[in-house]
Amino acid sequence: MTPSERYRAQLLEAFPPRAAAEGWTRQAFLAAAADAGLSEGAALLACPKAELDLADASADRADAAMLARLSSLALSDMKVRARVKAAVLARLEAQAPHKDAARAMARMLARRPGEAVRLLWRTADRIWRALGDPSTDGNFYSKRAILSGVLGATYAYWHADDTPDCAPTRAFLDARIDNVMQFERLKGALKPLGGLAEGAVGFAARMRYGGR
């Protein structure tokens, strides 16, 4: 592990309580560095963009935990919708120990939509790859765009859900996945009508789920 990687790991441990109390800000980032016994220079070596780079590192760590969880499941025995649900829930579980910090990160990313879209897309791409998605054509992009929308909507719902078992979030996620499956069935029904009709529905779905 390089010094910057080691410093980043220390920051990831020290930052959540600061973010929960003070917001996902540069000031909280520098305070967490001090909490971890790091100088400002060492902290910025690990995260040159301060709290923005730490958001990337936090999302990356949550993705890694999600993928580790998925690797322990018998995905081949599950239907696609069950695989997607398992992946999204595993992603939420990875952030659950620091939910208040995750809320703070979401508020920060709301002011940086480009970065929010990039992180959502990266998680969606990792999910589809973990689920063995073989697509290389237009479906590669539409699947990731739609799943990015599902992830973003579910994260937002989960942030407001303080129930012990997050049952409302699970029900919300089920409904979003139902929407996606209905769209996929509609796409299949439209294939005989040609690419123009299918493309129109694809555009409508991207608008609905926030894709590009």
C-alpha atoms as a PDB file:
ATOM      1  CA  MET A   1       0.000   0.000   0.000  1.00  0.00           C
ATOM      2  CA  THR A   2       1.410   3.400  -1.011  1.00  0.00           C
ATOM      3  CA  PRO A   3       1.482   6.301   1.481  1.00  0.00           C
ATOM      4  CA  SER A   4      -1.411   8.017  -0.330  1.00  0.00           C
ATOM      5  CA  GLU A   5      -3.486   4.821  -0.189  1.00  0.00           C
ATOM      6  CA  ARG A   6      -2.725   4.442   3.511  1.00  0.00           C
ATOM      7  CA  TYR A   7      -3.653   8.050   4.228  1.00  0.00           C
ATOM      8  CA  ARG A   8      -6.873   7.669   2.225  1.00  0.00           C
ATOM      9  CA  ALA A   9      -7.821   4.602   4.259  1.00  0.00           C
ATOM     10  CA  GLN A  10      -7.235   6.563   7.467  1.00  0.00           C
ATOM     11  CA  LEU A  11      -9.395   9.401   6.197  1.00  0.00           C
ATOM     12  CA  LEU A  12     -12.196   7.010   5.267  1.00  0.00           C
ATOM     13  CA  GLU A  13     -12.275   5.818   8.857  1.00  0.00           C
ATOM     14  CA  ALA A  14     -12.057   9.254  10.464  1.00  0.00           C
ATOM     15  CA  PHE A  15     -14.339  11.209   8.136  1.00  0.00           C
ATOM     16  CA  PRO A  16     -17.858   9.708   8.595  1.00  0.00           C
ATOM     17  CA  PRO A  17     -18.483  11.114  12.107  1.00  0.00           C
ATOM     18  CA  ARG A  18     -17.291  14.537  10.965  1.00  0.00           C
ATOM     19  CA  ALA A  19     -19.427  14.418   7.823  1.00  0.00           C
ATOM     20  CA  ALA A  20     -22.479  13.349   9.807  1.00  0.00           C
ATOM     21  CA  ALA A  21     -22.074  16.261  12.212  1.00  0.00           C
ATOM     22  CA  GLU A  22     -20.648  18.977   9.964  1.00  0.00           C
ATOM     23  CA  GLY A  23     -21.570  18.030   6.412  1.00  0.00           C
ATOM     24  CA  TRP A  24     -19.468  16.645   3.559  1.00  0.00           C
ATOM     25  CA  THR A  25     -17.243  19.715   3.392  1.00  0.00           C
ATOM     26  CA  ARG A  26     -13.613  20.680   3.090  1.00  0.00           C
ATOM     27  CA  GLN A  27     -13.643  21.868   6.688  1.00  0.00           C
ATOM     28  CA  ALA A  28     -14.874  18.471   7.866  1.00  0.00           C
ATOM     29  CA  PHE A  29     -12.255  16.828   5.641  1.00  0.00           C
ATOM     30  CA  LEU A  30      -9.437  18.799   7.265  1.00  0.00           C
ATOM     31  CA  ALA A  31     -10.827  18.154  10.742  1.00  0.00           C
ATOM     32  CA  ALA A  32     -10.944  14.424   9.994  1.00  0.00           C
ATOM     33  CA  ALA A  33      -7.340  14.577   8.815  1.00  0.00           C
ATOM     34  CA  ALA A  34      -6.352  16.079  12.154  1.00  0.00           C
ATOM     35  CA  ASP A  35      -8.402  13.404  13.946  1.00  0.00           C
ATOM     36  CA  ALA A  36      -6.442  10.773  12.022  1.00  0.00           C
ATOM     37  CA  GLY A  37      -3.126  12.389  12.907  1.00  0.00           C
ATOM     38  CA  LEU A  38      -2.473  13.517   9.332  1.00  0.00           C
ATOM     39  CA  SER A  39      -1.107  16.851   8.223  1.00  0.00           C
ATOM     40  CA  GLU A  40      -3.042  18.850   5.651  1.00  0.00           C
ATOM     41  CA  GLY A  41      -0.327  18.005   3.113  1.00  0.00           C
ATOM     42  CA  ALA A  42      -0.652  14.279   3.751  1.00  0.00           C
ATOM     43  CA  ALA A  43      -4.444  14.470   3.481  1.00  0.00           C
ATOM     44  CA  LEU A  44      -4.247  16.355   0.183  1.00  0.00           C
ATOM     45  CA  LEU A  45      -1.683  13.877  -1.125  1.00  0.00           C
ATOM     46  CA  ALA A  46      -4.311  11.178  -0.631  1.00  0.00           C
ATOM     47  CA  CYS A  47      -7.211  13.320  -1.871  1.00  0.00           C
ATOM     48  CA  PRO A  48      -6.066  16.335  -3.946  1.00  0.00           C
ATOM     49  CA  LYS A  49      -9.694  17.434  -4.372  1.00  0.00           C
ATOM     50  CA  ALA A  50     -10.310  16.986  -0.648  1.00  0.00           C
ATOM     51  CA  GLU A  51     -13.925  16.041   0.125  1.00  0.00           C
ATOM     52  CA  LEU A  52     -14.754  15.387  -3.544  1.00  0.00           C
ATOM     53  CA  ASP A  53     -12.015  12.764  -3.872  1.00  0.00           C
ATOM     54  CA  LEU A  54     -13.084  11.289  -0.548  1.00  0.00           C
ATOM     55  CA  ALA A  55     -16.620  10.903  -1.927  1.00  0.00           C
ATOM     56  CA  ASP A  56     -15.144   8.943  -4.818  1.00  0.00           C
ATOM     57  CA  ALA A  57     -13.128   6.790  -2.415  1.00  0.00           C
ATOM     58  CA  SER A  58     -16.152   6.221  -0.183  1.00  0.00           C
ATOM     59  CA  ALA A  59     -18.307   5.158  -3.136  1.00  0.00           C
ATOM     60  CA  ASP A  60     -15.509   2.909  -4.375  1.00  0.00           C
ATOM     61  CA  ARG A  61     -15.237   1.237  -0.978  1.00  0.00           C
ATOM     62  CA  ALA A  62     -19.003   0.690  -0.831  1.00  0.00           C
ATOM     63  CA  ASP A  63     -18.903  -0.795  -4.336  1.00  0.00           C
ATOM     64  CA  ALA A  64     -16.136  -3.179  -3.259  1.00  0.00           C
ATOM     65  CA  ALA A  65     -18.186  -4.327  -0.256  1.00  0.00           C
ATOM     66  CA  MET A  66     -21.189  -4.832  -2.530  1.00  0.00           C
ATOM     67  CA  LEU A  67     -19.177  -6.929  -4.967  1.00  0.00           C
ATOM     68  CA  ALA A  68     -17.765  -9.032  -2.136  1.00  0.00           C
ATOM     69  CA  ARG A  69     -21.300  -9.699  -0.928  1.00  0.00           C
ATOM     70  CA  LEU A  70     -22.469 -10.628  -4.430  1.00  0.00           C
ATOM     71  CA  SER A  71     -19.566 -13.044  -4.847  1.00  0.00           C
ATOM     72  CA  SER A  72     -20.913 -15.014  -1.877  1.00  0.00           C
ATOM     73  CA  LEU A  73     -24.365 -15.457  -3.441  1.00  0.00           C
ATOM     74  CA  ALA A  74     -25.533 -18.143  -5.860  1.00  0.00           C
ATOM     75  CA  LEU A  75     -26.382 -15.604  -8.545  1.00  0.00           C
ATOM     76  CA  SER A  76     -26.750 -18.218 -11.268  1.00  0.00           C
ATOM     77  CA  ASP A  77     -29.726 -19.663  -9.378  1.00  0.00           C
ATOM     78  CA  MET A  78     -31.505 -16.306  -9.253  1.00  0.00           C
ATOM     79  CA  LYS A  79     -33.654 -14.523 -11.798  1.00  0.00           C
ATOM     80  CA  VAL A  80     -32.361 -11.238 -13.182  1.00  0.00           C
ATOM     81  CA  ARG A  81     -34.676  -9.099 -11.057  1.00  0.00           C
ATOM     82  CA  ALA A  82     -33.571 -10.949  -7.902  1.00  0.00           C
ATOM     83  CA  ARG A  83     -29.917 -10.427  -8.838  1.00  0.00           C
ATOM     84  CA  VAL A  84     -30.428  -6.706  -9.365  1.00  0.00           C
ATOM     85  CA  LYS A  85     -32.336  -6.383  -6.095  1.00  0.00           C
ATOM     86  CA  ALA A  86     -29.590  -8.257  -4.225  1.00  0.00           C
ATOM     87  CA  ALA A  87     -26.957  -5.946  -5.700  1.00  0.00           C
ATOM     88  CA  VAL A  88     -28.761  -2.725  -4.808  1.00  0.00           C
ATOM     89  CA  LEU A  89     -29.512  -3.945  -1.281  1.00  0.00           C
ATOM     90  CA  ALA A  90     -25.885  -5.014  -0.843  1.00  0.00           C
ATOM     91  CA  ARG A  91     -24.829  -1.516  -1.887  1.00  0.00           C
ATOM     92  CA  LEU A  92     -27.136   0.071   0.685  1.00  0.00           C
ATOM     93  CA  GLU A  93     -25.941  -2.320   3.388  1.00  0.00           C
ATOM     94  CA  ALA A  94     -22.359  -1.289   2.676  1.00  0.00           C
ATOM     95  CA  GLN A  95     -23.231   2.317   3.567  1.00  0.00           C
ATOM     96  CA  ALA A  96     -25.622   1.531   6.423  1.00  0.00           C
ATOM     97  CA  PRO A  97     -23.004   1.816   9.231  1.00  0.00           C
ATOM     98  CA  HIS A  98     -22.442   5.446   8.215  1.00  0.00           C
ATOM     99  CA  LYS A  99     -25.903   6.414   7.001  1.00  0.00           C
ATOM    100  CA  ASP A 100     -25.764  10.001   8.267  1.00  0.00           C
ATOM    101  CA  ALA A 101     -22.478  10.493   6.433  1.00  0.00           C
ATOM    102  CA  ALA A 102     -24.072   8.984   3.296  1.00  0.00           C
ATOM    103  CA  ARG A 103     -26.858  11.545   3.588  1.00  0.00           C
ATOM    104  CA  ALA A 104     -24.284  14.319   3.854  1.00  0.00           C
ATOM    105  CA  MET A 105     -22.476  12.967   0.805  1.00  0.00           C
ATOM    106  CA  ALA A 106     -25.755  12.934  -1.148  1.00  0.00           C
ATOM    107  CA  ARG A 107     -26.411  16.569  -0.242  1.00  0.00           C
ATOM    108  CA  MET A 108     -22.937  17.509  -1.436  1.00  0.00           C
ATOM    109  CA  LEU A 109     -23.344  15.570  -4.693  1.00  0.00           C
ATOM    110  CA  ALA A 110     -26.693  17.246  -5.333  1.00  0.00           C
ATOM    111  CA  ARG A 111     -24.660  20.414  -5.916  1.00  0.00           C
ATOM    112  CA  ARG A 112     -22.327  18.520  -8.271  1.00  0.00           C
ATOM    113  CA  PRO A 113     -24.654  16.613 -10.599  1.00  0.00           C
ATOM    114  CA  GLY A 114     -21.900  15.658 -13.029  1.00  0.00           C
ATOM    115  CA  GLU A 115     -19.992  13.873 -10.291  1.00  0.00           C
ATOM    116  CA  ALA A 116     -23.179  12.274  -8.971  1.00  0.00           C
ATOM    117  CA  VAL A 117     -23.985  10.869 -12.416  1.00  0.00           C
ATOM    118  CA  ARG A 118     -20.433   9.554 -12.819  1.00  0.00           C
ATOM    119  CA  LEU A 119     -20.521   7.676  -9.514  1.00  0.00           C
ATOM    120  CA  LEU A 120     -23.987   6.252 -10.175  1.00  0.00           C
ATOM    121  CA  TRP A 121     -22.903   5.075 -13.627  1.00  0.00           C
ATOM    122  CA  ARG A 122     -19.766   3.447 -12.212  1.00  0.00           C
ATOM    123  CA  THR A 123     -21.787   1.531  -9.625  1.00  0.00           C
ATOM    124  CA  ALA A 124     -24.363   0.491 -12.232  1.00  0.00           C
ATOM    125  CA  ASP A 125     -21.600  -0.698 -14.550  1.00  0.00           C
ATOM    126  CA  ARG A 126     -19.982  -2.729 -11.774  1.00  0.00           C
ATOM    127  CA  ILE A 127     -23.316  -4.307 -10.897  1.00  0.00           C
ATOM    128  CA  TRP A 128     -24.034  -5.398 -14.456  1.00  0.00           C
ATOM    129  CA  ARG A 129     -20.535  -6.777 -14.877  1.00  0.00           C
ATOM    130  CA  ALA A 130     -20.843  -8.693 -11.599  1.00  0.00           C
ATOM    131  CA  LEU A 131     -24.173 -10.088 -12.786  1.00  0.00           C
ATOM    132  CA  GLY A 132     -22.539 -11.332 -15.978  1.00  0.00           C
ATOM    133  CA  ASP A 133     -24.142  -8.915 -18.409  1.00  0.00           C
ATOM    134  CA  PRO A 134     -22.775  -9.785 -21.876  1.00  0.00           C
ATOM    135  CA  SER A 135     -24.196  -6.822 -23.795  1.00  0.00           C
ATOM    136  CA  THR A 136     -21.899  -4.755 -26.007  1.00  0.00           C
ATOM    137  CA  ASP A 137     -24.443  -2.928 -28.186  1.00  0.00           C
ATOM    138  CA  GLY A 138     -26.930  -0.214 -27.289  1.00  0.00           C
ATOM    139  CA  ASN A 139     -28.250  -2.381 -24.468  1.00  0.00           C
ATOM    140  CA  PHE A 140     -24.907  -1.896 -22.691  1.00  0.00           C
ATOM    141  CA  TYR A 141     -25.676   1.797 -22.294  1.00  0.00           C
ATOM    142  CA  SER A 142     -29.435   1.585 -21.759  1.00  0.00           C
ATOM    143  CA  LYS A 143     -29.061  -1.006 -18.980  1.00  0.00           C
ATOM    144  CA  ARG A 144     -26.556   1.158 -17.147  1.00  0.00           C
ATOM    145  CA  ALA A 145     -28.565   4.336 -17.650  1.00  0.00           C
ATOM    146  CA  ILE A 146     -31.755   2.755 -16.338  1.00  0.00           C
ATOM    147  CA  LEU A 147     -30.011   1.085 -13.396  1.00  0.00           C
ATOM    148  CA  SER A 148     -28.332   4.408 -12.540  1.00  0.00           C
ATOM    149  CA  GLY A 149     -31.809   5.896 -12.270  1.00  0.00           C
ATOM    150  CA  VAL A 150     -33.009   3.046 -10.070  1.00  0.00           C
ATOM    151  CA  LEU A 151     -29.957   3.437  -7.831  1.00  0.00           C
ATOM    152  CA  GLY A 152     -30.349   7.197  -7.506  1.00  0.00           C
ATOM    153  CA  ALA A 153     -34.057   6.979  -6.678  1.00  0.00           C
ATOM    154  CA  THR A 154     -33.525   4.159  -4.188  1.00  0.00           C
ATOM    155  CA  TYR A 155     -30.643   5.930  -2.454  1.00  0.00           C
ATOM    156  CA  ALA A 156     -32.832   9.027  -2.026  1.00  0.00           C
ATOM    157  CA  TYR A 157     -35.684   6.953  -0.583  1.00  0.00           C
ATOM    158  CA  TRP A 158     -33.324   5.069   1.744  1.00  0.00           C
ATOM    159  CA  HIS A 159     -31.833   8.307   3.076  1.00  0.00           C
ATOM    160  CA  ALA A 160     -35.313   9.267   4.339  1.00  0.00           C
ATOM    161  CA  ASP A 161     -36.132   5.783   5.654  1.00  0.00           C
ATOM    162  CA  ASP A 162     -35.359   5.370   9.358  1.00  0.00           C
ATOM    163  CA  THR A 163     -37.299   2.150   9.921  1.00  0.00           C
ATOM    164  CA  PRO A 164     -35.244  -0.636  11.572  1.00  0.00           C
ATOM    165  CA  ASP A 165     -35.469  -3.089   8.660  1.00  0.00           C
ATOM    166  CA  CYS A 166     -35.860  -0.527   5.846  1.00  0.00           C
ATOM    167  CA  ALA A 167     -38.942  -2.406   4.644  1.00  0.00           C
ATOM    168  CA  PRO A 168     -40.317   0.726   2.886  1.00  0.00           C
ATOM    169  CA  THR A 169     -37.068   1.036   0.921  1.00  0.00           C
ATOM    170  CA  ARG A 170     -37.237  -2.627  -0.067  1.00  0.00           C
ATOM    171  CA  ALA A 171     -40.815  -2.161  -1.283  1.00  0.00           C
ATOM    172  CA  PHE A 172     -39.807   0.991  -3.187  1.00  0.00           C
ATOM    173  CA  LEU A 173     -36.939  -0.889  -4.850  1.00  0.00           C
ATOM    174  CA  ASP A 174     -39.289  -3.741  -5.814  1.00  0.00           C
ATOM    175  CA  ALA A 175     -41.585  -1.222  -7.492  1.00  0.00           C
ATOM    176  CA  ARG A 176     -38.722   0.386  -9.411  1.00  0.00           C
ATOM    177  CA  ILE A 177     -37.505  -2.993 -10.634  1.00  0.00           C
ATOM    178  CA  ASP A 178     -41.083  -3.819 -11.697  1.00  0.00           C
ATOM    179  CA  ASN A 179     -41.058  -0.622 -13.760  1.00  0.00           C
ATOM    180  CA  VAL A 180     -37.836  -1.699 -15.465  1.00  0.00           C
ATOM    181  CA  MET A 181     -39.100  -5.213 -16.189  1.00  0.00           C
ATOM    182  CA  GLN A 182     -42.311  -3.787 -17.680  1.00  0.00           C
ATOM    183  CA  PHE A 183     -40.213  -1.549 -19.904  1.00  0.00           C
ATOM    184  CA  GLU A 184     -38.095  -4.511 -21.050  1.00  0.00           C
ATOM    185  CA  ARG A 185     -41.235  -6.480 -21.935  1.00  0.00           C
ATOM    186  CA  LEU A 186     -42.571  -3.498 -23.862  1.00  0.00           C
ATOM    187  CA  LYS A 187     -39.308  -3.210 -25.776  1.00  0.00           C
ATOM    188  CA  GLY A 188     -39.596  -6.866 -26.730  1.00  0.00           C
ATOM    189  CA  ALA A 189     -43.160  -6.397 -27.953  1.00  0.00           C
ATOM    190  CA  LEU A 190     -42.121  -3.441 -30.080  1.00  0.00           C
ATOM    191  CA  LYS A 191     -39.278  -5.217 -31.886  1.00  0.00           C
ATOM    192  CA  PRO A 192     -41.508  -6.299 -34.807  1.00  0.00           C
ATOM    193  CA  LEU A 193     -42.395  -2.636 -35.319  1.00  0.00           C
ATOM    194  CA  GLY A 194     -38.811  -1.738 -36.023  1.00  0.00           C
ATOM    195  CA  GLY A 195     -36.028   0.272 -34.473  1.00  0.00           C
ATOM    196  CA  LEU A 196     -37.817   3.619 -34.619  1.00  0.00           C
ATOM    197  CA  ALA A 197     -40.539   2.619 -32.157  1.00  0.00           C
ATOM    198  CA  GLU A 198     -38.102   0.850 -29.856  1.00  0.00           C
ATOM    199  CA  GLY A 199     -35.818   3.873 -29.883  1.00  0.00           C
ATOM    200  CA  ALA A 200     -38.705   6.136 -28.914  1.00  0.00           C
ATOM    201  CA  VAL A 201     -39.523   3.968 -25.910  1.00  0.00           C
ATOM    202  CA  GLY A 202     -35.832   3.839 -24.989  1.00  0.00           C
ATOM    203  CA  PHE A 203     -35.698   7.618 -25.025  1.00  0.00           C
ATOM    204  CA  ALA A 204     -38.798   7.806 -22.800  1.00  0.00           C
ATOM    205  CA  ALA A 205     -37.249   5.391 -20.319  1.00  0.00           C
ATOM    206  CA  ARG A 206     -34.028   7.357 -20.154  1.00  0.00           C
ATOM    207  CA  MET A 207     -36.017  10.499 -19.426  1.00  0.00           C
ATOM    208  CA  ARG A 208     -37.982   8.677 -16.707  1.00  0.00           C
ATOM    209  CA  TYR A 209     -34.939   7.214 -14.966  1.00  0.00           C
ATOM    210  CA  GLY A 210     -32.522  10.109 -15.353  1.00  0.00           C
ATOM    211  CA  GLY A 211     -30.214   8.534 -17.946  1.00  0.00           C
ATOM    212  CA  ARG A 212     -28.511  10.221 -20.840  1.00  0.00           C
END
